[in-house]
Amino acid sequence: MEKHCKYAFLETMSFNAPVFYQKNGYNILAQIENSPAEGETRYFMKKVLYIE
């Protein structure tokens, strides 16, 4: 925030507790089913850090 970054982005997997990130202000932008393995999901998430 000192550097006026507006967003934080991350990529996580269903076995890495995406709910933890949602509880900490991240929103799911996209997801890919059966990636990286059958039955798993890859999530791309974003959090707003700074609004002018």
PDB file of N, CA and C in Angstrom:
ATOM      1  N   MET A   1       0.827  -1.190   0.000  1.00  0.00           N
ATOM      2  CA  MET A   1       0.000   0.000   0.000  1.00  0.00           C
ATOM      3  C   MET A   1       0.875   1.259   0.000  1.00  0.00           C
ATOM      4  N   GLU A   2       2.066   1.171   0.602  1.00  0.00           N
ATOM      5  CA  GLU A   2       2.994   2.313   0.568  1.00  0.00           C
ATOM      6  C   GLU A   2       3.325   2.714  -0.855  1.00  0.00           C
ATOM      7  N   LYS A   3       3.378   1.723  -1.745  1.00  0.00           N
ATOM      8  CA  LYS A   3       3.740   1.965  -3.133  1.00  0.00           C
ATOM      9  C   LYS A   3       2.512   2.180  -4.012  1.00  0.00           C
ATOM     10  N   HIS A   4       1.357   2.325  -3.371  1.00  0.00           N
ATOM     11  CA  HIS A   4       0.095   2.599  -4.047  1.00  0.00           C
ATOM     12  C   HIS A   4      -0.320   1.496  -5.026  1.00  0.00           C
ATOM     13  N   CYS A   5      -0.009   0.270  -4.676  1.00  0.00           N
ATOM     14  CA  CYS A   5      -0.495  -0.864  -5.466  1.00  0.00           C
ATOM     15  C   CYS A   5      -1.998  -0.948  -5.263  1.00  0.00           C
ATOM     16  N   LYS A   6      -2.714  -1.149  -6.338  1.00  0.00           N
ATOM     17  CA  LYS A   6      -4.178  -1.167  -6.250  1.00  0.00           C
ATOM     18  C   LYS A   6      -4.743  -2.562  -6.033  1.00  0.00           C
ATOM     19  N   TYR A   7      -4.030  -3.583  -6.517  1.00  0.00           N
ATOM     20  CA  TYR A   7      -4.562  -4.941  -6.454  1.00  0.00           C
ATOM     21  C   TYR A   7      -3.466  -5.943  -6.110  1.00  0.00           C
ATOM     22  N   ALA A   8      -3.911  -7.069  -5.573  1.00  0.00           N
ATOM     23  CA  ALA A   8      -3.026  -8.231  -5.399  1.00  0.00           C
ATOM     24  C   ALA A   8      -3.705  -9.380  -6.140  1.00  0.00           C
ATOM     25  N   PHE A   9      -2.917 -10.139  -6.881  1.00  0.00           N
ATOM     26  CA  PHE A   9      -3.420 -11.283  -7.626  1.00  0.00           C
ATOM     27  C   PHE A   9      -2.713 -12.533  -7.140  1.00  0.00           C
ATOM     28  N   LEU A  10      -3.427 -13.657  -7.159  1.00  0.00           N
ATOM     29  CA  LEU A  10      -2.789 -14.923  -6.810  1.00  0.00           C
ATOM     30  C   LEU A  10      -3.453 -16.064  -7.555  1.00  0.00           C
ATOM     31  N   GLU A  11      -2.727 -17.157  -7.577  1.00  0.00           N
ATOM     32  CA  GLU A  11      -3.221 -18.408  -8.160  1.00  0.00           C
ATOM     33  C   GLU A  11      -3.086 -19.463  -7.080  1.00  0.00           C
ATOM     34  N   THR A  12      -4.145 -20.236  -6.876  1.00  0.00           N
ATOM     35  CA  THR A  12      -4.115 -21.294  -5.873  1.00  0.00           C
ATOM     36  C   THR A  12      -4.891 -22.493  -6.387  1.00  0.00           C
ATOM     37  N   MET A  13      -4.779 -23.599  -5.690  1.00  0.00           N
ATOM     38  CA  MET A  13      -5.453 -24.837  -6.077  1.00  0.00           C
ATOM     39  C   MET A  13      -6.498 -25.193  -5.012  1.00  0.00           C
ATOM     40  N   SER A  14      -7.446 -26.030  -5.372  1.00  0.00           N
ATOM     41  CA  SER A  14      -8.512 -26.406  -4.443  1.00  0.00           C
ATOM     42  C   SER A  14      -7.968 -27.078  -3.189  1.00  0.00           C
ATOM     43  N   PHE A  15      -6.824 -27.749  -3.284  1.00  0.00           N
ATOM     44  CA  PHE A  15      -6.241 -28.412  -2.112  1.00  0.00           C
ATOM     45  C   PHE A  15      -5.406 -27.447  -1.267  1.00  0.00           C
ATOM     46  N   ASN A  16      -5.306 -26.161  -1.681  1.00  0.00           N
ATOM     47  CA  ASN A  16      -4.561 -25.151  -0.926  1.00  0.00           C
ATOM     48  C   ASN A  16      -5.477 -24.164  -0.202  1.00  0.00           C
ATOM     49  N   ALA A  17      -6.681 -24.564   0.119  1.00  0.00           N
ATOM     50  CA  ALA A  17      -7.623 -23.773   0.908  1.00  0.00           C
ATOM     51  C   ALA A  17      -7.989 -22.411   0.298  1.00  0.00           C
ATOM     52  N   PRO A  18      -8.634 -22.384  -0.880  1.00  0.00           N
ATOM     53  CA  PRO A  18      -9.047 -21.100  -1.456  1.00  0.00           C
ATOM     54  C   PRO A  18     -10.016 -20.337  -0.552  1.00  0.00           C
ATOM     55  N   VAL A  19     -10.739 -21.016   0.304  1.00  0.00           N
ATOM     56  CA  VAL A  19     -11.671 -20.349   1.229  1.00  0.00           C
ATOM     57  C   VAL A  19     -10.901 -19.418   2.177  1.00  0.00           C
ATOM     58  N   PHE A  20      -9.686 -19.795   2.554  1.00  0.00           N
ATOM     59  CA  PHE A  20      -8.839 -18.939   3.388  1.00  0.00           C
ATOM     60  C   PHE A  20      -8.647 -17.582   2.720  1.00  0.00           C
ATOM     61  N   TYR A  21      -8.338 -17.597   1.417  1.00  0.00           N
ATOM     62  CA  TYR A  21      -8.114 -16.353   0.692  1.00  0.00           C
ATOM     63  C   TYR A  21      -9.393 -15.545   0.566  1.00  0.00           C
ATOM     64  N   GLN A  22     -10.518 -16.210   0.354  1.00  0.00           N
ATOM     65  CA  GLN A  22     -11.799 -15.505   0.275  1.00  0.00           C
ATOM     66  C   GLN A  22     -12.118 -14.821   1.601  1.00  0.00           C
ATOM     67  N   LYS A  23     -11.821 -15.471   2.703  1.00  0.00           N
ATOM     68  CA  LYS A  23     -12.054 -14.870   4.016  1.00  0.00           C
ATOM     69  C   LYS A  23     -11.150 -13.673   4.255  1.00  0.00           C
ATOM     70  N   ASN A  24     -10.066 -13.568   3.485  1.00  0.00           N
ATOM     71  CA  ASN A  24      -9.122 -12.467   3.621  1.00  0.00           C
ATOM     72  C   ASN A  24      -9.249 -11.445   2.490  1.00  0.00           C
ATOM     73  N   GLY A  25     -10.422 -11.406   1.873  1.00  0.00           N
ATOM     74  CA  GLY A  25     -10.733 -10.339   0.939  1.00  0.00           C
ATOM     75  C   GLY A  25     -10.495 -10.616  -0.533  1.00  0.00           C
ATOM     76  N   TYR A  26     -10.077 -11.822  -0.895  1.00  0.00           N
ATOM     77  CA  TYR A  26      -9.848 -12.150  -2.303  1.00  0.00           C
ATOM     78  C   TYR A  26     -11.140 -12.641  -2.944  1.00  0.00           C
ATOM     79  N   ASN A  27     -11.325 -12.296  -4.211  1.00  0.00           N
ATOM     80  CA  ASN A  27     -12.466 -12.753  -5.003  1.00  0.00           C
ATOM     81  C   ASN A  27     -11.961 -13.627  -6.141  1.00  0.00           C
ATOM     82  N   ILE A  28     -12.741 -14.636  -6.482  1.00  0.00           N
ATOM     83  CA  ILE A  28     -12.371 -15.531  -7.583  1.00  0.00           C
ATOM     84  C   ILE A  28     -12.665 -14.826  -8.902  1.00  0.00           C
ATOM     85  N   LEU A  29     -11.635 -14.707  -9.738  1.00  0.00           N
ATOM     86  CA  LEU A  29     -11.786 -14.121 -11.072  1.00  0.00           C
ATOM     87  C   LEU A  29     -12.110 -15.196 -12.095  1.00  0.00           C
ATOM     88  N   ALA A  30     -11.448 -16.347 -11.959  1.00  0.00           N
ATOM     89  CA  ALA A  30     -11.626 -17.450 -12.905  1.00  0.00           C
ATOM     90  C   ALA A  30     -11.212 -18.739 -12.227  1.00  0.00           C
ATOM     91  N   GLN A  31     -11.668 -19.838 -12.784  1.00  0.00           N
ATOM     92  CA  GLN A  31     -11.256 -21.145 -12.285  1.00  0.00           C
ATOM     93  C   GLN A  31     -11.210 -22.134 -13.430  1.00  0.00           C
ATOM     94  N   ILE A  32     -10.325 -23.107 -13.302  1.00  0.00           N
ATOM     95  CA  ILE A  32     -10.179 -24.148 -14.310  1.00  0.00           C
ATOM     96  C   ILE A  32     -10.387 -25.487 -13.616  1.00  0.00           C
ATOM     97  N   GLU A  33     -11.422 -26.177 -13.998  1.00  0.00           N
ATOM     98  CA  GLU A  33     -11.735 -27.486 -13.430  1.00  0.00           C
ATOM     99  C   GLU A  33     -10.754 -28.542 -13.942  1.00  0.00           C
ATOM    100  N   ASN A  34     -10.522 -29.551 -13.123  1.00  0.00           N
ATOM    101  CA  ASN A  34      -9.635 -30.678 -13.469  1.00  0.00           C
ATOM    102  C   ASN A  34      -8.221 -30.209 -13.827  1.00  0.00           C
ATOM    103  N   SER A  35      -7.754 -29.222 -13.099  1.00  0.00           N
ATOM    104  CA  SER A  35      -6.399 -28.706 -13.278  1.00  0.00           C
ATOM    105  C   SER A  35      -5.843 -28.389 -11.903  1.00  0.00           C
ATOM    106  N   PRO A  36      -4.705 -28.827 -11.537  1.00  0.00           N
ATOM    107  CA  PRO A  36      -3.688 -29.500 -12.333  1.00  0.00           C
ATOM    108  C   PRO A  36      -3.902 -31.008 -12.469  1.00  0.00           C
ATOM    109  N   ALA A  37      -4.921 -31.548 -11.798  1.00  0.00           N
ATOM    110  CA  ALA A  37      -5.186 -32.990 -11.875  1.00  0.00           C
ATOM    111  C   ALA A  37      -6.696 -33.207 -11.868  1.00  0.00           C
ATOM    112  N   GLU A  38      -7.108 -34.364 -12.285  1.00  0.00           N
ATOM    113  CA  GLU A  38      -8.530 -34.742 -12.287  1.00  0.00           C
ATOM    114  C   GLU A  38      -9.118 -34.537 -10.892  1.00  0.00           C
ATOM    115  N   GLY A  39     -10.251 -33.833 -10.832  1.00  0.00           N
ATOM    116  CA  GLY A  39     -10.935 -33.621  -9.555  1.00  0.00           C
ATOM    117  C   GLY A  39     -10.444 -32.411  -8.772  1.00  0.00           C
ATOM    118  N   GLU A  40      -9.412 -31.732  -9.236  1.00  0.00           N
ATOM    119  CA  GLU A  40      -8.891 -30.532  -8.584  1.00  0.00           C
ATOM    120  C   GLU A  40      -9.288 -29.309  -9.407  1.00  0.00           C
ATOM    121  N   THR A  41      -9.244 -28.147  -8.769  1.00  0.00           N
ATOM    122  CA  THR A  41      -9.580 -26.898  -9.453  1.00  0.00           C
ATOM    123  C   THR A  41      -8.480 -25.879  -9.208  1.00  0.00           C
ATOM    124  N   ARG A  42      -8.129 -25.150 -10.249  1.00  0.00           N
ATOM    125  CA  ARG A  42      -7.141 -24.063 -10.166  1.00  0.00           C
ATOM    126  C   ARG A  42      -7.929 -22.754 -10.103  1.00  0.00           C
ATOM    127  N   TYR A  43      -7.615 -21.893  -9.136  1.00  0.00           N
ATOM    128  CA  TYR A  43      -8.311 -20.618  -8.956  1.00  0.00           C
ATOM    129  C   TYR A  43      -7.370 -19.450  -9.206  1.00  0.00           C
ATOM    130  N   PHE A  44      -7.898 -18.405  -9.840  1.00  0.00           N
ATOM    131  CA  PHE A  44      -7.195 -17.151 -10.036  1.00  0.00           C
ATOM    132  C   PHE A  44      -7.984 -16.109  -9.253  1.00  0.00           C
ATOM    133  N   MET A  45      -7.309 -15.413  -8.337  1.00  0.00           N
ATOM    134  CA  MET A  45      -8.005 -14.540  -7.401  1.00  0.00           C
ATOM    135  C   MET A  45      -7.409 -13.131  -7.385  1.00  0.00           C
ATOM    136  N   LYS A  46      -8.229 -12.174  -6.929  1.00  0.00           N
ATOM    137  CA  LYS A  46      -7.833 -10.770  -6.879  1.00  0.00           C
ATOM    138  C   LYS A  46      -8.359 -10.139  -5.592  1.00  0.00           C
ATOM    139  N   LYS A  47      -7.545  -9.241  -5.033  1.00  0.00           N
ATOM    140  CA  LYS A  47      -7.950  -8.474  -3.857  1.00  0.00           C
ATOM    141  C   LYS A  47      -7.682  -7.003  -4.126  1.00  0.00           C
ATOM    142  N   VAL A  48      -8.650  -6.153  -3.827  1.00  0.00           N
ATOM    143  CA  VAL A  48      -8.473  -4.699  -3.957  1.00  0.00           C
ATOM    144  C   VAL A  48      -7.720  -4.223  -2.718  1.00  0.00           C
ATOM    145  N   LEU A  49      -6.591  -3.548  -2.947  1.00  0.00           N
ATOM    146  CA  LEU A  49      -5.763  -3.053  -1.847  1.00  0.00           C
ATOM    147  C   LEU A  49      -5.919  -1.556  -1.611  1.00  0.00           C
ATOM    148  N   TYR A  50      -6.135  -0.829  -2.695  1.00  0.00           N
ATOM    149  CA  TYR A  50      -6.059   0.630  -2.609  1.00  0.00           C
ATOM    150  C   TYR A  50      -7.021   1.239  -3.621  1.00  0.00           C
ATOM    151  N   ILE A  51      -7.828   2.143  -3.155  1.00  0.00           N
ATOM    152  CA  ILE A  51      -8.746   2.856  -4.046  1.00  0.00           C
ATOM    153  C   ILE A  51      -8.471   4.340  -3.895  1.00  0.00           C
ATOM    154  N   GLU A  52      -8.275   5.016  -5.015  1.00  0.00           N
ATOM    155  CA  GLU A  52      -7.991   6.469  -4.978  1.00  0.00           C
ATOM    156  C   GLU A  52      -9.242   7.248  -4.719  1.00  0.00           C
TER     157      GLU A  52
END
